[in-house]
């Protein structure tokens, strides 16, 4: 059965928010455990709940401390190599989407020119009358 798309926004109702937090935290811990087991990697998760002074930790406090110490002993360049904050992630996504928009725009213009050329060859657009300079130039480049 498909689930409906969840809107990511603050849950104002306290009891609903706490229940959602507990379920999602449990799911996050399970996913971290599965990732560690299935892919044979070291993983740790620290989750501080609202008003909690002690975090819930996967795999254990000692295991998480060991993983964090290994991470801290790495050179700073290696630590930051694939690290990304939300701003950097969003900037990267925006750049990627902007490139896609440009690519689709070029493809769309190319198709429009092909349609104009096809109409001209079919006789529906005799002498390319009614085209602006940009369209005429594009048709000229396409013909060459």
N, C-alpha and C. Protein backbone atom coordinates (compact mmCIF):
# COMPACT_ATOMS: atom_id res chain seq x y z
N UNK A 1 0.84 -1.18 0.00
CA UNK A 1 0.00 0.00 0.00
C UNK A 1 0.89 1.24 0.00
N UNK A 2 0.61 2.18 -0.86
CA UNK A 2 1.43 3.39 -0.98
C UNK A 2 1.09 4.36 0.15
N UNK A 3 2.12 5.06 0.59
CA UNK A 3 1.91 6.08 1.62
C UNK A 3 1.76 7.43 0.96
N UNK A 4 1.03 8.32 1.65
CA UNK A 4 0.90 9.66 1.09
C UNK A 4 2.17 10.45 1.39
N UNK A 5 2.43 11.43 0.58
CA UNK A 5 3.62 12.26 0.73
C UNK A 5 3.49 13.10 2.00
N UNK A 6 4.52 13.10 2.80
CA UNK A 6 4.51 13.85 4.06
C UNK A 6 5.02 15.26 3.80
N UNK A 7 4.27 16.24 4.29
CA UNK A 7 4.75 17.62 4.17
C UNK A 7 5.69 17.88 5.34
N UNK A 8 6.88 18.33 5.03
CA UNK A 8 7.87 18.57 6.07
C UNK A 8 7.64 19.94 6.69
N UNK A 9 6.98 19.93 7.83
CA UNK A 9 6.76 21.16 8.56
C UNK A 9 6.62 20.81 10.04
N UNK A 10 6.79 21.80 10.87
CA UNK A 10 6.73 21.61 12.32
C UNK A 10 5.35 21.09 12.71
N UNK A 11 5.32 20.11 13.61
CA UNK A 11 4.06 19.55 14.09
C UNK A 11 3.69 20.30 15.37
N UNK A 12 2.64 21.12 15.34
CA UNK A 12 2.31 21.95 16.50
C UNK A 12 1.75 21.18 17.69
N UNK A 13 1.06 20.08 17.47
CA UNK A 13 0.48 19.30 18.56
C UNK A 13 1.58 18.52 19.27
N UNK A 14 1.74 18.77 20.60
CA UNK A 14 2.84 18.16 21.36
C UNK A 14 2.81 16.64 21.36
N UNK A 15 1.65 16.04 21.63
CA UNK A 15 1.61 14.58 21.73
C UNK A 15 1.85 13.94 20.36
N UNK A 16 1.32 14.52 19.31
CA UNK A 16 1.56 14.00 17.96
C UNK A 16 3.03 14.13 17.60
N UNK A 17 3.63 15.28 17.93
CA UNK A 17 5.04 15.50 17.62
C UNK A 17 5.93 14.50 18.37
N UNK A 18 5.64 14.28 19.66
CA UNK A 18 6.45 13.32 20.43
C UNK A 18 6.31 11.90 19.86
N UNK A 19 5.08 11.52 19.50
CA UNK A 19 4.86 10.20 18.92
C UNK A 19 5.60 10.04 17.60
N UNK A 20 5.51 11.06 16.76
CA UNK A 20 6.21 11.03 15.47
C UNK A 20 7.71 10.96 15.68
N UNK A 21 8.21 11.73 16.65
CA UNK A 21 9.65 11.73 16.94
C UNK A 21 10.11 10.34 17.36
N UNK A 22 9.37 9.71 18.26
CA UNK A 22 9.76 8.38 18.74
C UNK A 22 9.78 7.35 17.61
N UNK A 23 8.75 7.39 16.76
CA UNK A 23 8.70 6.44 15.64
C UNK A 23 9.85 6.68 14.66
N UNK A 24 10.08 7.93 14.34
CA UNK A 24 11.13 8.25 13.37
C UNK A 24 12.51 7.97 13.93
N UNK A 25 12.71 8.24 15.22
CA UNK A 25 14.01 7.95 15.84
C UNK A 25 14.26 6.45 15.81
N UNK A 26 13.23 5.67 16.14
CA UNK A 26 13.36 4.21 16.10
C UNK A 26 13.69 3.76 14.67
N UNK A 27 13.03 4.33 13.67
CA UNK A 27 13.30 4.00 12.27
C UNK A 27 14.71 4.37 11.86
N UNK A 28 15.18 5.54 12.32
CA UNK A 28 16.54 5.98 12.00
C UNK A 28 17.58 5.04 12.60
N UNK A 29 17.37 4.62 13.83
CA UNK A 29 18.30 3.69 14.47
C UNK A 29 18.30 2.34 13.74
N UNK A 30 17.12 1.90 13.32
CA UNK A 30 17.03 0.63 12.58
C UNK A 30 17.77 0.74 11.25
N UNK A 31 17.59 1.86 10.54
CA UNK A 31 18.27 2.05 9.25
C UNK A 31 19.79 2.08 9.44
N UNK A 32 20.25 2.74 10.49
CA UNK A 32 21.69 2.79 10.76
C UNK A 32 22.22 1.38 11.04
N UNK A 33 21.47 0.61 11.79
CA UNK A 33 21.86 -0.77 12.09
C UNK A 33 21.91 -1.61 10.81
N UNK A 34 20.89 -1.47 9.96
CA UNK A 34 20.86 -2.21 8.70
C UNK A 34 22.02 -1.83 7.80
N UNK A 35 22.31 -0.54 7.73
CA UNK A 35 23.42 -0.06 6.91
C UNK A 35 24.74 -0.65 7.40
N UNK A 36 24.94 -0.64 8.71
CA UNK A 36 26.18 -1.17 9.27
C UNK A 36 26.32 -2.67 9.00
N UNK A 37 25.22 -3.40 9.13
CA UNK A 37 25.27 -4.86 8.95
C UNK A 37 25.38 -5.23 7.47
N UNK A 38 24.50 -4.68 6.65
CA UNK A 38 24.44 -5.08 5.24
C UNK A 38 25.66 -4.64 4.44
N UNK A 39 26.19 -3.47 4.76
CA UNK A 39 27.29 -2.92 3.97
C UNK A 39 28.63 -3.04 4.67
N UNK A 40 28.64 -3.62 5.85
CA UNK A 40 29.86 -3.80 6.63
C UNK A 40 30.64 -2.49 6.78
N UNK A 41 29.91 -1.47 7.26
CA UNK A 41 30.53 -0.16 7.49
C UNK A 41 30.33 0.24 8.95
N UNK A 42 31.16 1.16 9.38
CA UNK A 42 31.00 1.71 10.72
C UNK A 42 30.05 2.90 10.63
N UNK A 43 29.05 2.91 11.48
CA UNK A 43 28.09 4.01 11.49
C UNK A 43 27.69 4.30 12.92
N UNK A 44 27.43 5.56 13.19
CA UNK A 44 26.90 5.91 14.50
C UNK A 44 25.87 7.01 14.33
N UNK A 45 24.91 7.01 15.23
CA UNK A 45 23.85 8.01 15.21
C UNK A 45 23.67 8.52 16.63
N UNK A 46 23.61 9.84 16.76
CA UNK A 46 23.32 10.50 18.03
C UNK A 46 22.07 11.33 17.84
N UNK A 47 21.04 11.08 18.66
CA UNK A 47 19.80 11.84 18.53
C UNK A 47 19.43 12.39 19.90
N UNK A 48 19.36 13.72 19.96
CA UNK A 48 18.90 14.41 21.17
C UNK A 48 17.43 14.74 20.99
N UNK A 49 16.60 14.24 21.88
CA UNK A 49 15.19 14.58 21.83
C UNK A 49 14.94 15.91 22.50
N UNK A 50 13.76 16.46 22.27
CA UNK A 50 13.40 17.74 22.86
C UNK A 50 13.35 17.60 24.38
N UNK A 51 14.17 18.36 25.06
CA UNK A 51 14.20 18.33 26.52
C UNK A 51 15.01 17.19 27.11
N UNK A 52 15.63 16.37 26.29
CA UNK A 52 16.44 15.26 26.80
C UNK A 52 17.87 15.72 26.98
N UNK A 53 18.49 15.33 28.08
CA UNK A 53 19.88 15.71 28.32
C UNK A 53 20.85 14.66 27.82
N UNK A 54 20.37 13.42 27.73
CA UNK A 54 21.22 12.32 27.25
C UNK A 54 20.69 11.87 25.89
N UNK A 55 21.57 11.76 24.90
CA UNK A 55 21.11 11.36 23.57
C UNK A 55 20.87 9.85 23.49
N UNK A 56 20.06 9.45 22.52
CA UNK A 56 19.97 8.03 22.20
C UNK A 56 21.07 7.78 21.18
N UNK A 57 21.84 6.71 21.40
CA UNK A 57 23.03 6.48 20.60
C UNK A 57 22.99 5.10 19.96
N UNK A 58 23.42 5.04 18.71
CA UNK A 58 23.64 3.76 18.04
C UNK A 58 25.10 3.71 17.65
N UNK A 59 25.82 2.65 17.80
CA UNK A 59 25.46 1.35 18.33
C UNK A 59 25.45 1.34 19.85
N UNK A 60 26.38 2.01 20.47
CA UNK A 60 26.42 2.18 21.92
C UNK A 60 27.25 3.42 22.17
N UNK A 61 27.27 3.89 23.41
CA UNK A 61 28.07 5.08 23.71
C UNK A 61 29.55 4.82 23.40
N UNK A 62 30.04 3.66 23.78
CA UNK A 62 31.45 3.34 23.53
C UNK A 62 31.72 3.19 22.03
N UNK A 63 30.83 2.53 21.32
CA UNK A 63 31.00 2.35 19.87
C UNK A 63 30.96 3.67 19.12
N UNK A 64 30.03 4.54 19.52
CA UNK A 64 29.93 5.85 18.87
C UNK A 64 31.17 6.68 19.18
N UNK A 65 31.64 6.63 20.42
CA UNK A 65 32.84 7.39 20.80
C UNK A 65 34.04 6.91 19.99
N UNK A 66 34.14 5.60 19.79
CA UNK A 66 35.25 5.04 19.01
C UNK A 66 35.20 5.54 17.56
N UNK A 67 34.02 5.52 16.95
CA UNK A 67 33.88 5.99 15.57
C UNK A 67 34.19 7.47 15.47
N UNK A 68 33.71 8.26 16.42
CA UNK A 68 33.97 9.71 16.40
C UNK A 68 35.45 10.01 16.61
N UNK A 69 36.12 9.23 17.45
CA UNK A 69 37.57 9.42 17.65
C UNK A 69 38.34 9.11 16.37
N UNK A 70 37.95 8.05 15.67
CA UNK A 70 38.59 7.72 14.39
C UNK A 70 38.40 8.88 13.42
N UNK A 71 37.19 9.42 13.39
CA UNK A 71 36.89 10.54 12.50
C UNK A 71 37.73 11.77 12.87
N UNK A 72 37.82 12.07 14.15
CA UNK A 72 38.58 13.25 14.59
C UNK A 72 40.07 13.12 14.32
N UNK A 73 40.60 11.90 14.29
CA UNK A 73 42.03 11.69 14.05
C UNK A 73 42.38 11.83 12.56
N UNK A 74 41.38 11.82 11.70
CA UNK A 74 41.63 11.98 10.26
C UNK A 74 42.10 13.41 10.00
N UNK A 75 42.90 13.62 8.95
CA UNK A 75 43.28 14.99 8.59
C UNK A 75 42.01 15.81 8.28
N UNK A 76 42.08 17.10 8.58
CA UNK A 76 40.90 17.95 8.41
C UNK A 76 40.37 17.93 6.97
N UNK A 77 41.28 17.86 6.02
CA UNK A 77 40.87 17.81 4.62
C UNK A 77 40.04 16.56 4.34
N UNK A 78 40.44 15.43 4.90
CA UNK A 78 39.69 14.18 4.73
C UNK A 78 38.35 14.25 5.44
N UNK A 79 38.31 14.90 6.61
CA UNK A 79 37.06 15.02 7.36
C UNK A 79 36.02 15.79 6.55
N UNK A 80 36.45 16.85 5.93
CA UNK A 80 35.53 17.74 5.23
C UNK A 80 35.30 17.36 3.77
N UNK A 81 36.00 16.33 3.30
CA UNK A 81 35.99 15.98 1.88
C UNK A 81 34.57 15.82 1.32
N UNK A 82 33.75 15.04 1.96
CA UNK A 82 32.40 14.79 1.46
C UNK A 82 31.33 15.34 2.40
N UNK A 83 31.75 16.18 3.31
CA UNK A 83 30.81 16.75 4.27
C UNK A 83 30.02 17.87 3.60
N UNK A 84 28.75 17.96 3.93
CA UNK A 84 27.93 18.99 3.32
C UNK A 84 26.86 19.43 4.31
N UNK A 85 26.65 20.74 4.37
CA UNK A 85 25.56 21.23 5.20
C UNK A 85 24.34 21.44 4.31
N UNK A 86 23.24 21.84 4.91
CA UNK A 86 22.00 21.97 4.15
C UNK A 86 22.13 23.05 3.07
N UNK A 87 22.79 24.15 3.40
CA UNK A 87 22.96 25.23 2.42
C UNK A 87 23.75 24.75 1.20
N UNK A 88 24.85 24.04 1.46
CA UNK A 88 25.66 23.52 0.37
C UNK A 88 24.90 22.51 -0.47
N UNK A 89 24.13 21.66 0.20
CA UNK A 89 23.34 20.67 -0.52
C UNK A 89 22.32 21.35 -1.42
N UNK A 90 21.61 22.35 -0.87
CA UNK A 90 20.60 23.05 -1.67
C UNK A 90 21.23 23.82 -2.82
N UNK A 91 22.39 24.42 -2.57
CA UNK A 91 23.09 25.15 -3.64
C UNK A 91 23.46 24.18 -4.77
N UNK A 92 23.96 23.01 -4.40
CA UNK A 92 24.33 22.00 -5.39
C UNK A 92 23.10 21.55 -6.20
N UNK A 93 21.98 21.33 -5.51
CA UNK A 93 20.75 20.93 -6.20
C UNK A 93 20.26 22.03 -7.14
N UNK A 94 20.33 23.30 -6.67
CA UNK A 94 19.89 24.42 -7.51
C UNK A 94 20.73 24.50 -8.77
N UNK A 95 22.05 24.37 -8.61
CA UNK A 95 22.94 24.41 -9.78
C UNK A 95 22.62 23.29 -10.76
N UNK A 96 22.38 22.10 -10.23
CA UNK A 96 22.06 20.95 -11.08
C UNK A 96 20.74 21.19 -11.81
N UNK A 97 19.74 21.70 -11.10
CA UNK A 97 18.45 21.96 -11.72
C UNK A 97 18.54 23.09 -12.74
N UNK A 98 19.37 24.10 -12.45
CA UNK A 98 19.57 25.21 -13.39
C UNK A 98 20.18 24.68 -14.69
N UNK A 99 21.16 23.78 -14.56
CA UNK A 99 21.76 23.17 -15.75
C UNK A 99 20.72 22.38 -16.55
N UNK A 100 19.85 21.67 -15.84
CA UNK A 100 18.80 20.91 -16.52
C UNK A 100 17.85 21.85 -17.26
N UNK A 101 17.50 22.97 -16.62
CA UNK A 101 16.60 23.94 -17.26
C UNK A 101 17.23 24.47 -18.54
N UNK A 102 18.54 24.81 -18.49
CA UNK A 102 19.23 25.29 -19.69
C UNK A 102 19.25 24.21 -20.78
N UNK A 103 19.52 22.98 -20.37
CA UNK A 103 19.57 21.88 -21.33
C UNK A 103 18.20 21.68 -21.99
N UNK A 104 17.15 21.66 -21.18
CA UNK A 104 15.81 21.47 -21.74
C UNK A 104 15.39 22.67 -22.59
N UNK A 105 15.84 23.86 -22.21
CA UNK A 105 15.56 25.05 -23.03
C UNK A 105 16.20 24.94 -24.40
N UNK A 106 17.47 24.50 -24.44
CA UNK A 106 18.16 24.32 -25.71
C UNK A 106 17.46 23.26 -26.56
N UNK A 107 17.10 22.15 -25.92
CA UNK A 107 16.41 21.08 -26.65
C UNK A 107 15.06 21.57 -27.19
N UNK A 108 14.36 22.35 -26.40
CA UNK A 108 13.06 22.88 -26.82
C UNK A 108 13.22 23.82 -28.01
N UNK A 109 14.21 24.72 -27.94
CA UNK A 109 14.46 25.63 -29.06
C UNK A 109 14.85 24.84 -30.32
N UNK A 110 15.64 23.80 -30.14
CA UNK A 110 16.05 22.97 -31.27
C UNK A 110 14.83 22.32 -31.92
N UNK A 111 13.93 21.82 -31.09
CA UNK A 111 12.71 21.20 -31.63
C UNK A 111 11.85 22.23 -32.37
N UNK A 112 11.74 23.44 -31.79
CA UNK A 112 10.96 24.50 -32.44
C UNK A 112 11.54 24.83 -33.82
N UNK A 113 12.85 24.91 -33.91
CA UNK A 113 13.50 25.21 -35.19
C UNK A 113 13.25 24.08 -36.18
N UNK A 114 13.31 22.84 -35.70
CA UNK A 114 13.04 21.70 -36.58
C UNK A 114 11.61 21.77 -37.12
N UNK A 115 10.66 22.14 -36.25
CA UNK A 115 9.26 22.25 -36.68
C UNK A 115 9.13 23.35 -37.73
N UNK A 116 9.77 24.52 -37.48
CA UNK A 116 9.73 25.61 -38.46
C UNK A 116 10.32 25.16 -39.80
N UNK A 117 11.44 24.47 -39.74
CA UNK A 117 12.10 23.99 -40.95
C UNK A 117 11.20 22.99 -41.69
N UNK A 118 10.57 22.12 -40.93
CA UNK A 118 9.67 21.13 -41.52
C UNK A 118 8.48 21.82 -42.19
N UNK A 119 7.91 22.84 -41.51
CA UNK A 119 6.79 23.59 -42.09
C UNK A 119 7.23 24.29 -43.38
N UNK A 120 8.43 24.86 -43.37
CA UNK A 120 8.93 25.56 -44.56
C UNK A 120 9.12 24.58 -45.71
N UNK A 121 9.64 23.39 -45.41
CA UNK A 121 9.87 22.40 -46.46
C UNK A 121 8.55 21.84 -46.99
N UNK A 122 7.55 21.78 -46.14
CA UNK A 122 6.25 21.26 -46.52
C UNK A 122 5.43 22.30 -47.30
N UNK A 123 5.84 23.58 -47.17
CA UNK A 123 5.14 24.65 -47.87
C UNK A 123 4.14 25.38 -47.01
N UNK A 124 4.02 25.01 -45.74
CA UNK A 124 3.08 25.68 -44.84
C UNK A 124 3.57 27.06 -44.43
N UNK A 125 4.85 27.30 -44.57
CA UNK A 125 5.47 28.56 -44.16
C UNK A 125 6.32 29.06 -45.32
N UNK A 126 5.66 29.51 -46.40
CA UNK A 126 6.43 29.90 -47.59
C UNK A 126 7.34 31.09 -47.33
N UNK A 127 8.59 30.95 -47.72
CA UNK A 127 9.56 32.03 -47.60
C UNK A 127 9.91 32.39 -46.17
N UNK A 128 9.53 31.55 -45.22
CA UNK A 128 9.80 31.80 -43.80
C UNK A 128 9.26 33.15 -43.35
N UNK A 129 8.12 33.55 -43.93
CA UNK A 129 7.50 34.83 -43.60
C UNK A 129 6.97 34.79 -42.16
N UNK A 130 7.17 35.88 -41.46
CA UNK A 130 6.66 36.00 -40.10
C UNK A 130 7.63 35.57 -39.03
N UNK A 131 8.80 35.13 -39.40
CA UNK A 131 9.80 34.74 -38.41
C UNK A 131 10.64 35.95 -38.02
N UNK A 132 11.02 36.00 -36.76
CA UNK A 132 11.90 37.10 -36.33
C UNK A 132 13.35 36.76 -36.66
N UNK A 133 14.23 37.71 -36.42
CA UNK A 133 15.65 37.55 -36.78
C UNK A 133 16.27 36.35 -36.07
N UNK A 134 15.95 36.19 -34.79
CA UNK A 134 16.53 35.08 -34.02
C UNK A 134 16.12 33.74 -34.61
N UNK A 135 14.83 33.60 -34.96
CA UNK A 135 14.35 32.35 -35.54
C UNK A 135 14.98 32.10 -36.91
N UNK A 136 15.10 33.15 -37.71
CA UNK A 136 15.72 33.00 -39.03
C UNK A 136 17.18 32.58 -38.91
N UNK A 137 17.89 33.19 -37.96
CA UNK A 137 19.30 32.84 -37.74
C UNK A 137 19.41 31.38 -37.31
N UNK A 138 18.54 30.96 -36.38
CA UNK A 138 18.57 29.57 -35.90
C UNK A 138 18.26 28.59 -37.02
N UNK A 139 17.29 28.94 -37.86
CA UNK A 139 16.97 28.08 -39.00
C UNK A 139 18.17 27.99 -39.93
N UNK A 140 18.84 29.13 -40.16
CA UNK A 140 20.04 29.15 -41.00
C UNK A 140 21.12 28.25 -40.47
N UNK A 141 21.36 28.30 -39.16
CA UNK A 141 22.38 27.43 -38.55
C UNK A 141 21.99 25.97 -38.68
N UNK A 142 20.70 25.69 -38.52
CA UNK A 142 20.24 24.30 -38.59
C UNK A 142 20.41 23.74 -40.00
N UNK A 143 20.17 24.59 -41.02
CA UNK A 143 20.31 24.16 -42.41
C UNK A 143 21.76 23.83 -42.72
N UNK A 144 22.68 24.63 -42.19
CA UNK A 144 24.11 24.40 -42.44
C UNK A 144 24.54 23.17 -41.71
